[in-house]
C-alpha atoms as a PDB file:
ATOM      1  CA  MET A   1      14.680   8.718 -19.408  1.00  0.00           C
ATOM      2  CA  GLU A   2      12.436   5.724 -18.706  1.00  0.00           C
ATOM      3  CA  ASP A   3      14.006   2.646 -17.152  1.00  0.00           C
ATOM      4  CA  ARG A   4      13.572  -0.512 -19.195  1.00  0.00           C
ATOM      5  CA  LYS A   5      12.136  -2.341 -16.178  1.00  0.00           C
ATOM      6  CA  GLY A   6       9.344   0.172 -15.650  1.00  0.00           C
ATOM      7  CA  GLU A   7      10.903   1.628 -12.532  1.00  0.00           C
ATOM      8  CA  HIS A   8      11.481   5.322 -12.025  1.00  0.00           C
ATOM      9  CA  PRO A   9      15.047   6.199 -13.105  1.00  0.00           C
ATOM     10  CA  LEU A  10      15.759   7.836  -9.737  1.00  0.00           C
ATOM     11  CA  GLY A  11      13.749   5.357  -7.657  1.00  0.00           C
ATOM     12  CA  ASP A  12      16.655   3.413  -6.171  1.00  0.00           C
ATOM     13  CA  LEU A  13      18.743   6.511  -5.466  1.00  0.00           C
ATOM     14  CA  GLY A  14      15.744   8.292  -3.953  1.00  0.00           C
ATOM     15  CA  GLN A  15      15.011   5.349  -1.680  1.00  0.00           C
ATOM     16  CA  LEU A  16      18.627   5.310  -0.480  1.00  0.00           C
ATOM     17  CA  VAL A  17      18.528   9.060   0.206  1.00  0.00           C
ATOM     18  CA  CYS A  18      15.218   8.718   2.085  1.00  0.00           C
ATOM     19  CA  ALA A  19      16.623   5.884   4.188  1.00  0.00           C
ATOM     20  CA  ALA A  20      19.888   7.702   4.936  1.00  0.00           C
ATOM     21  CA  VAL A  21      18.160  10.941   5.953  1.00  0.00           C
ATOM     22  CA  PHE A  22      15.545   9.120   8.010  1.00  0.00           C
ATOM     23  CA  ILE A  23      18.016   6.893   9.875  1.00  0.00           C
ATOM     24  CA  THR A  24      20.352   9.829  10.532  1.00  0.00           C
ATOM     25  CA  VAL A  25      17.569  12.010  11.940  1.00  0.00           C
ATOM     26  CA  TRP A  26      16.011   9.124  13.893  1.00  0.00           C
ATOM     27  CA  ALA A  27      19.351   8.107  15.438  1.00  0.00           C
ATOM     28  CA  ALA A  28      20.308  11.695  16.284  1.00  0.00           C
ATOM     29  CA  ASP A  29      16.932  12.310  17.934  1.00  0.00           C
ATOM     30  CA  THR A  30      16.706   8.932  19.676  1.00  0.00           C
ATOM     31  CA  PHE A  31      20.239   8.526  20.986  1.00  0.00           C
ATOM     32  CA  PHE A  32      21.828  11.953  21.203  1.00  0.00           C
ATOM     33  CA  PHE A  33      19.703  15.088  21.141  1.00  0.00           C
ATOM     34  CA  HIS A  34      16.232  13.884  22.226  1.00  0.00           C
ATOM     35  CA  TRP A  35      14.572  16.752  20.348  1.00  0.00           C
ATOM     36  CA  SER A  36      11.198  15.039  20.103  1.00  0.00           C
ATOM     37  CA  THR A  37      11.287  11.774  22.040  1.00  0.00           C
ATOM     38  CA  PHE A  38       9.675  13.137  25.187  1.00  0.00           C
ATOM     39  CA  LEU A  39       6.604  10.876  24.744  1.00  0.00           C
ATOM     40  CA  LYS A  40       8.601   7.658  25.074  1.00  0.00           C
ATOM     41  CA  SER A  41       8.587   7.933  28.863  1.00  0.00           C
ATOM     42  CA  SER A  42       4.766   7.724  28.710  1.00  0.00           C
ATOM     43  CA  VAL A  43       4.720   4.494  26.708  1.00  0.00           C
ATOM     44  CA  PRO A  44       6.427   1.387  28.115  1.00  0.00           C
ATOM     45  CA  ASN A  45       9.421   0.080  26.208  1.00  0.00           C
ATOM     46  CA  SER A  46       7.658  -3.282  25.815  1.00  0.00           C
ATOM     47  CA  VAL A  47       4.745  -1.628  23.977  1.00  0.00           C
ATOM     48  CA  ARG A  48       7.076   0.323  21.703  1.00  0.00           C
ATOM     49  CA  MET A  49       9.100  -2.813  20.927  1.00  0.00           C
ATOM     50  CA  MET A  50       5.891  -4.747  20.229  1.00  0.00           C
ATOM     51  CA  LEU A  51       4.845  -2.049  17.732  1.00  0.00           C
ATOM     52  CA  LEU A  52       8.299  -2.188  16.141  1.00  0.00           C
ATOM     53  CA  GLY A  53       8.076  -5.981  15.936  1.00  0.00           C
ATOM     54  CA  MET A  54       4.631  -5.896  14.331  1.00  0.00           C
ATOM     55  CA  CYS A  55       5.767  -3.346  11.747  1.00  0.00           C
ATOM     56  CA  LEU A  56       8.917  -5.320  10.958  1.00  0.00           C
ATOM     57  CA  LEU A  57       6.884  -8.533  10.660  1.00  0.00           C
ATOM     58  CA  LEU A  58       4.588  -6.805   8.155  1.00  0.00           C
ATOM     59  CA  THR A  59       7.667  -5.517   6.333  1.00  0.00           C
ATOM     60  CA  PHE A  60       9.144  -9.003   6.149  1.00  0.00           C
ATOM     61  CA  ILE A  61       5.901 -10.610   4.958  1.00  0.00           C
ATOM     62  CA  LEU A  62       5.216  -7.991   2.295  1.00  0.00           C
ATOM     63  CA  VAL A  63       8.759  -7.893   0.947  1.00  0.00           C
ATOM     64  CA  TRP A  64       9.424 -11.639   1.160  1.00  0.00           C
ATOM     65  CA  THR A  65       6.215 -12.637  -0.600  1.00  0.00           C
ATOM     66  CA  SER A  66       6.400 -10.038  -3.367  1.00  0.00           C
ATOM     67  CA  HIS A  67      10.037  -9.185  -4.017  1.00  0.00           C
ATOM     68  CA  HIS A  68      10.564 -12.106  -6.424  1.00  0.00           C
ATOM     69  CA  VAL A  69       8.279 -10.389  -8.952  1.00  0.00           C
ATOM     70  CA  VAL A  70      10.303  -7.201  -9.117  1.00  0.00           C
ATOM     71  CA  THR A  71      13.768  -8.764  -8.914  1.00  0.00           C
ATOM     72  CA  GLY A  72      13.350 -11.701 -11.271  1.00  0.00           C
ATOM     73  CA  GLN A  73      15.430 -11.865 -14.430  1.00  0.00           C
ATOM     74  CA  GLN A  74      12.326 -12.733 -16.455  1.00  0.00           C
ATOM     75  CA  ARG A  75       9.668 -10.088 -15.849  1.00  0.00           C
ATOM     76  CA  PRO A  76       6.089 -11.376 -16.036  1.00  0.00           C
ATOM     77  CA  GLU A  77       4.267 -10.528 -19.248  1.00  0.00           C
ATOM     78  CA  HIS A  78       0.937 -10.135 -17.470  1.00  0.00           C
ATOM     79  CA  VAL A  79      -0.499  -8.241 -14.517  1.00  0.00           C
ATOM     80  CA  ILE A  80       0.407  -9.956 -11.249  1.00  0.00           C
ATOM     81  CA  ASP A  81      -2.616  -9.979  -8.945  1.00  0.00           C
ATOM     82  CA  THR A  82      -1.817 -12.854  -6.614  1.00  0.00           C
ATOM     83  CA  GLY A  83      -0.146 -12.986  -3.219  1.00  0.00           C
ATOM     84  CA  PRO A  84       0.266  -9.538  -1.676  1.00  0.00           C
ATOM     85  CA  PHE A  85      -0.422  -7.976  -5.099  1.00  0.00           C
ATOM     86  CA  HIS A  86      -4.002  -9.177  -4.658  1.00  0.00           C
ATOM     87  CA  TYR A  87      -4.420  -6.670  -1.816  1.00  0.00           C
ATOM     88  CA  VAL A  88      -2.153  -3.720  -2.674  1.00  0.00           C
ATOM     89  CA  ARG A  89      -0.431  -2.651  -5.877  1.00  0.00           C
ATOM     90  CA  HIS A  90       2.915  -1.790  -4.247  1.00  0.00           C
ATOM     91  CA  PRO A  91       3.609  -4.327  -1.468  1.00  0.00           C
ATOM     92  CA  VAL A  92       7.406  -3.881  -1.507  1.00  0.00           C
ATOM     93  CA  TYR A  93       7.080  -0.113  -1.071  1.00  0.00           C
ATOM     94  CA  LEU A  94       4.398  -0.588   1.572  1.00  0.00           C
ATOM     95  CA  GLY A  95       6.732  -2.946   3.412  1.00  0.00           C
ATOM     96  CA  ALA A  96       9.441  -0.299   3.381  1.00  0.00           C
ATOM     97  CA  LEU A  97       6.983   2.263   4.762  1.00  0.00           C
ATOM     98  CA  PHE A  98       6.113  -0.104   7.615  1.00  0.00           C
ATOM     99  CA  ALA A  99       9.838  -0.343   8.423  1.00  0.00           C
ATOM    100  CA  TYR A 100      10.005   3.462   8.665  1.00  0.00           C
ATOM    101  CA  LEU A 101       6.880   3.524  10.842  1.00  0.00           C
ATOM    102  CA  GLY A 102       8.136   0.809  13.189  1.00  0.00           C
ATOM    103  CA  THR A 103      11.489   2.523  13.594  1.00  0.00           C
ATOM    104  CA  ALA A 104       9.856   5.862  14.435  1.00  0.00           C
ATOM    105  CA  LEU A 105       7.427   4.208  16.859  1.00  0.00           C
ATOM    106  CA  SER A 106      10.236   2.385  18.648  1.00  0.00           C
ATOM    107  CA  SER A 107      11.434   5.670  20.144  1.00  0.00           C
ATOM    108  CA  LEU A 108       8.314   7.766  19.546  1.00  0.00           C
ATOM    109  CA  SER A 109      10.476  10.279  17.727  1.00  0.00           C
ATOM    110  CA  LEU A 110       7.998  12.879  16.536  1.00  0.00           C
ATOM    111  CA  ILE A 111      10.496  14.290  14.050  1.00  0.00           C
ATOM    112  CA  SER A 112      10.921  10.820  12.561  1.00  0.00           C
ATOM    113  CA  LEU A 113       7.177  10.308  12.433  1.00  0.00           C
ATOM    114  CA  ALA A 114       6.877  13.625  10.599  1.00  0.00           C
ATOM    115  CA  LEU A 115       9.628  12.567   8.163  1.00  0.00           C
ATOM    116  CA  ILE A 116       7.471   9.634   7.114  1.00  0.00           C
ATOM    117  CA  VAL A 117       5.196  12.111   5.288  1.00  0.00           C
ATOM    118  CA  PRO A 118       7.795  13.226   2.692  1.00  0.00           C
ATOM    119  CA  VAL A 119       9.103   9.657   2.480  1.00  0.00           C
ATOM    120  CA  PHE A 120       5.566   8.461   1.713  1.00  0.00           C
ATOM    121  CA  LEU A 121       5.115  11.243  -0.855  1.00  0.00           C
ATOM    122  CA  PHE A 122       8.307  10.121  -2.593  1.00  0.00           C
ATOM    123  CA  TYR A 123       7.179   6.475  -2.634  1.00  0.00           C
ATOM    124  CA  ASP A 124       3.764   7.548  -3.918  1.00  0.00           C
ATOM    125  CA  TYR A 125       5.465   9.565  -6.678  1.00  0.00           C
ATOM    126  CA  ILE A 126       7.582   6.632  -7.898  1.00  0.00           C
ATOM    127  CA  ALA A 127       4.629   4.237  -7.525  1.00  0.00           C
ATOM    128  CA  SER A 128       2.466   6.542  -9.673  1.00  0.00           C
ATOM    129  CA  TYR A 129       5.213   6.671 -12.298  1.00  0.00           C
ATOM    130  CA  GLU A 130       5.412   2.880 -12.348  1.00  0.00           C
ATOM    131  CA  GLU A 131       1.629   2.632 -12.622  1.00  0.00           C
ATOM    132  CA  ARG A 132       1.678   4.828 -15.739  1.00  0.00           C
ATOM    133  CA  VAL A 133       4.292   2.491 -17.227  1.00  0.00           C
ATOM    134  CA  MET A 134       2.165  -0.550 -16.360  1.00  0.00           C
ATOM    135  CA  GLU A 135      -0.946   1.083 -17.853  1.00  0.00           C
ATOM    136  CA  ALA A 136       0.962   1.734 -21.078  1.00  0.00           C
ATOM    137  CA  LYS A 137       2.263  -1.842 -21.132  1.00  0.00           C
ATOM    138  CA  PHE A 138      -0.844  -3.776 -20.052  1.00  0.00           C
ATOM    139  CA  GLY A 139      -3.693  -1.362 -20.917  1.00  0.00           C
ATOM    140  CA  ASP A 140      -7.155  -2.354 -19.722  1.00  0.00           C
ATOM    141  CA  ALA A 141      -5.856  -5.342 -17.777  1.00  0.00           C
ATOM    142  CA  TYR A 142      -3.865  -3.017 -15.513  1.00  0.00           C
ATOM    143  CA  ARG A 143      -6.680  -0.471 -15.270  1.00  0.00           C
ATOM    144  CA  ASP A 144      -9.046  -3.263 -14.170  1.00  0.00           C
ATOM    145  CA  TYR A 145      -6.463  -4.324 -11.590  1.00  0.00           C
ATOM    146  CA  GLU A 146      -6.287  -0.730 -10.311  1.00  0.00           C
ATOM    147  CA  THR A 147     -10.050  -0.561  -9.832  1.00  0.00           C
ATOM    148  CA  ARG A 148     -10.160  -3.647  -7.636  1.00  0.00           C
ATOM    149  CA  THR A 149      -6.854  -3.350  -5.768  1.00  0.00           C
ATOM    150  CA  GLY A 150      -5.776  -0.645  -3.351  1.00  0.00           C
ATOM    151  CA  LYS A 151      -2.669   1.335  -4.113  1.00  0.00           C
ATOM    152  CA  TRP A 152      -1.697   1.438  -0.429  1.00  0.00           C
ATOM    153  CA  ILE A 153      -4.756   0.263   1.515  1.00  0.00           C
ATOM    154  CA  PRO A 154      -6.379  -3.114   0.767  1.00  0.00           C
ATOM    155  CA  GLY A 155      -9.850  -2.757  -0.692  1.00  0.00           C
ATOM    156  CA  VAL A 156      -9.421   0.850  -1.744  1.00  0.00           C
ATOM    157  CA  GLY A 157      -8.973   0.708  -5.503  1.00  0.00           C
ATOM    158  CA  ARG A 158      -8.889   3.692  -7.823  1.00  0.00           C
ATOM    159  CA  MET A 159     -12.661   3.631  -8.483  1.00  0.00           C
ATOM    160  CA  ALA A 160     -13.502   3.150  -4.811  1.00  0.00           C
ATOM    161  CA  ALA A 161     -11.263   6.071  -3.890  1.00  0.00           C
ATOM    162  CA  ALA A 162     -12.911   8.229  -6.570  1.00  0.00           C
ATOM    163  CA  GLY A 163     -16.359   7.386  -5.219  1.00  0.00           C
ATOM    164  CA  ALA A 164     -17.484   5.405  -8.258  1.00  0.00           C
END
């Protein structure tokens, strides 16, 4: 059940479910029930909004500068290692994760911060799937790219993470 574009067949649906669950829990905690937002009184609103702004700026930069590669009608026939892809292998997904982080930090909702863990695990799962597809398609060129480019953190490629 492999998607012709190299994306996980349930990737889009999974991302929508993650977003819906996260936003629902975050909004319920932040605006109605206040289950875990007790720390927000210790951190000024201006600081929390600055953190939100920085995360959303990173989201915008990562998605804006890389989204054309994954949405184009004509998919590249080579490994893309320029722009944000020079630093991380999944800049669009990383941008989405920064949006989750900024949202959770805006209200210091501990439940929302905790929800980022399963959201990240889902994104890591679909990213790993896509990497296997890219390895099958591009072979050594993609494996070389993996060794020099971080999956999520710039400078932490597969070999660096393995201690090689």
